[in-house]
C-alpha atoms as a PDB file:
ATOM      1  CA  MET A   1      65.667  39.374 -52.752  1.00  0.00           C
ATOM      2  CA  LYS A   2      65.586  37.640 -49.402  1.00  0.00           C
ATOM      3  CA  LYS A   3      65.969  38.682 -45.792  1.00  0.00           C
ATOM      4  CA  LEU A   4      68.950  37.924 -43.570  1.00  0.00           C
ATOM      5  CA  SER A   5      66.607  35.979 -41.279  1.00  0.00           C
ATOM      6  CA  GLU A   6      65.924  33.551 -44.185  1.00  0.00           C
ATOM      7  CA  VAL A   7      69.586  32.724 -44.929  1.00  0.00           C
ATOM      8  CA  LYS A   8      70.458  29.097 -44.187  1.00  0.00           C
ATOM      9  CA  ILE A   9      72.961  28.207 -41.467  1.00  0.00           C
ATOM     10  CA  GLY A  10      76.469  27.894 -42.926  1.00  0.00           C
ATOM     11  CA  SER A  11      75.761  30.265 -45.821  1.00  0.00           C
ATOM     12  CA  THR A  12      77.183  33.654 -46.704  1.00  0.00           C
ATOM     13  CA  ALA A  13      75.088  36.605 -47.850  1.00  0.00           C
ATOM     14  CA  LYS A  14      75.842  40.145 -48.993  1.00  0.00           C
ATOM     15  CA  VAL A  15      73.842  43.100 -47.631  1.00  0.00           C
ATOM     16  CA  VAL A  16      71.867  44.936 -50.293  1.00  0.00           C
ATOM     17  CA  LYS A  17      69.632  47.243 -48.236  1.00  0.00           C
ATOM     18  CA  ILE A  18      68.612  47.946 -44.647  1.00  0.00           C
ATOM     19  CA  HIS A  19      64.893  48.622 -44.225  1.00  0.00           C
ATOM     20  CA  GLY A  20      63.394  50.490 -41.322  1.00  0.00           C
ATOM     21  CA  ALA A  21      64.069  53.916 -39.922  1.00  0.00           C
ATOM     22  CA  GLY A  22      65.287  55.760 -36.905  1.00  0.00           C
ATOM     23  CA  ALA A  23      66.966  54.050 -33.982  1.00  0.00           C
ATOM     24  CA  LEU A  24      66.711  50.483 -35.339  1.00  0.00           C
ATOM     25  CA  ARG A  25      68.402  51.344 -38.634  1.00  0.00           C
ATOM     26  CA  ARG A  26      71.104  53.374 -36.867  1.00  0.00           C
ATOM     27  CA  ARG A  27      71.783  50.559 -34.356  1.00  0.00           C
ATOM     28  CA  ILE A  28      72.137  47.971 -37.139  1.00  0.00           C
ATOM     29  CA  MET A  29      74.543  50.218 -39.039  1.00  0.00           C
ATOM     30  CA  ASP A  30      76.545  50.926 -35.860  1.00  0.00           C
ATOM     31  CA  MET A  31      77.079  47.160 -35.500  1.00  0.00           C
ATOM     32  CA  GLY A  32      78.891  47.164 -38.851  1.00  0.00           C
ATOM     33  CA  ILE A  33      76.059  45.920 -41.032  1.00  0.00           C
ATOM     34  CA  THR A  34      76.156  48.247 -44.027  1.00  0.00           C
ATOM     35  CA  LYS A  35      75.496  47.906 -47.752  1.00  0.00           C
ATOM     36  CA  GLY A  36      77.995  45.512 -49.349  1.00  0.00           C
ATOM     37  CA  THR A  37      79.018  43.763 -46.112  1.00  0.00           C
ATOM     38  CA  GLU A  38      79.382  39.982 -46.383  1.00  0.00           C
ATOM     39  CA  ILE A  39      77.793  38.067 -43.510  1.00  0.00           C
ATOM     40  CA  PHE A  40      78.390  34.398 -42.692  1.00  0.00           C
ATOM     41  CA  VAL A  41      75.508  32.886 -40.695  1.00  0.00           C
ATOM     42  CA  ARG A  42      77.214  30.519 -38.230  1.00  0.00           C
ATOM     43  CA  LYS A  43      74.425  29.077 -36.111  1.00  0.00           C
ATOM     44  CA  THR A  44      71.173  29.700 -34.320  1.00  0.00           C
ATOM     45  CA  ALA A  45      70.136  29.320 -30.708  1.00  0.00           C
ATOM     46  CA  PRO A  46      68.297  26.093 -29.758  1.00  0.00           C
ATOM     47  CA  LEU A  47      64.862  27.735 -30.033  1.00  0.00           C
ATOM     48  CA  GLY A  48      65.718  29.441 -33.336  1.00  0.00           C
ATOM     49  CA  ASP A  49      66.312  32.952 -32.047  1.00  0.00           C
ATOM     50  CA  PRO A  50      68.809  34.729 -32.086  1.00  0.00           C
ATOM     51  CA  LEU A  51      71.162  34.144 -35.019  1.00  0.00           C
ATOM     52  CA  GLU A  52      74.942  34.118 -34.611  1.00  0.00           C
ATOM     53  CA  MET A  53      76.912  35.482 -37.533  1.00  0.00           C
ATOM     54  CA  THR A  54      80.422  36.528 -38.472  1.00  0.00           C
ATOM     55  CA  LEU A  55      81.120  39.792 -40.268  1.00  0.00           C
ATOM     56  CA  ARG A  56      84.089  42.165 -40.569  1.00  0.00           C
ATOM     57  CA  GLY A  57      86.232  39.822 -38.466  1.00  0.00           C
ATOM     58  CA  TYR A  58      83.985  39.582 -35.414  1.00  0.00           C
ATOM     59  CA  GLU A  59      80.982  37.591 -34.202  1.00  0.00           C
ATOM     60  CA  LEU A  60      77.576  39.179 -33.808  1.00  0.00           C
ATOM     61  CA  THR A  61      74.319  37.880 -32.385  1.00  0.00           C
ATOM     62  CA  LEU A  62      71.142  39.387 -33.825  1.00  0.00           C
ATOM     63  CA  ARG A  63      67.460  38.711 -33.202  1.00  0.00           C
ATOM     64  CA  ARG A  64      65.512  37.275 -36.140  1.00  0.00           C
ATOM     65  CA  GLU A  65      63.112  40.205 -35.913  1.00  0.00           C
ATOM     66  CA  ASP A  66      65.986  42.644 -36.542  1.00  0.00           C
ATOM     67  CA  ALA A  67      67.559  40.378 -39.195  1.00  0.00           C
ATOM     68  CA  ALA A  68      64.255  40.464 -41.095  1.00  0.00           C
ATOM     69  CA  SER A  69      64.809  44.174 -41.825  1.00  0.00           C
ATOM     70  CA  ILE A  70      68.075  43.446 -43.683  1.00  0.00           C
ATOM     71  CA  GLU A  71      67.781  42.583 -47.385  1.00  0.00           C
ATOM     72  CA  VAL A  72      70.538  40.322 -48.775  1.00  0.00           C
ATOM     73  CA  GLU A  73      71.490  38.593 -52.010  1.00  0.00           C
END
């Protein structure tokens, strides 16, 4: 499996598992990123961080460090 931070721009991925614990995991899930959610990676900032993605009908910006804790297929 690969991490959300490794998904190429313009690609769609499906969440398989969220790694981590505590506040980080809860915050990611509160943003709507849960198992089975499809995420379209739209673009990245000029320096490569953060990532802008579309999921559940809205746009979300997430740091690569946080995206690395999300396993996708």
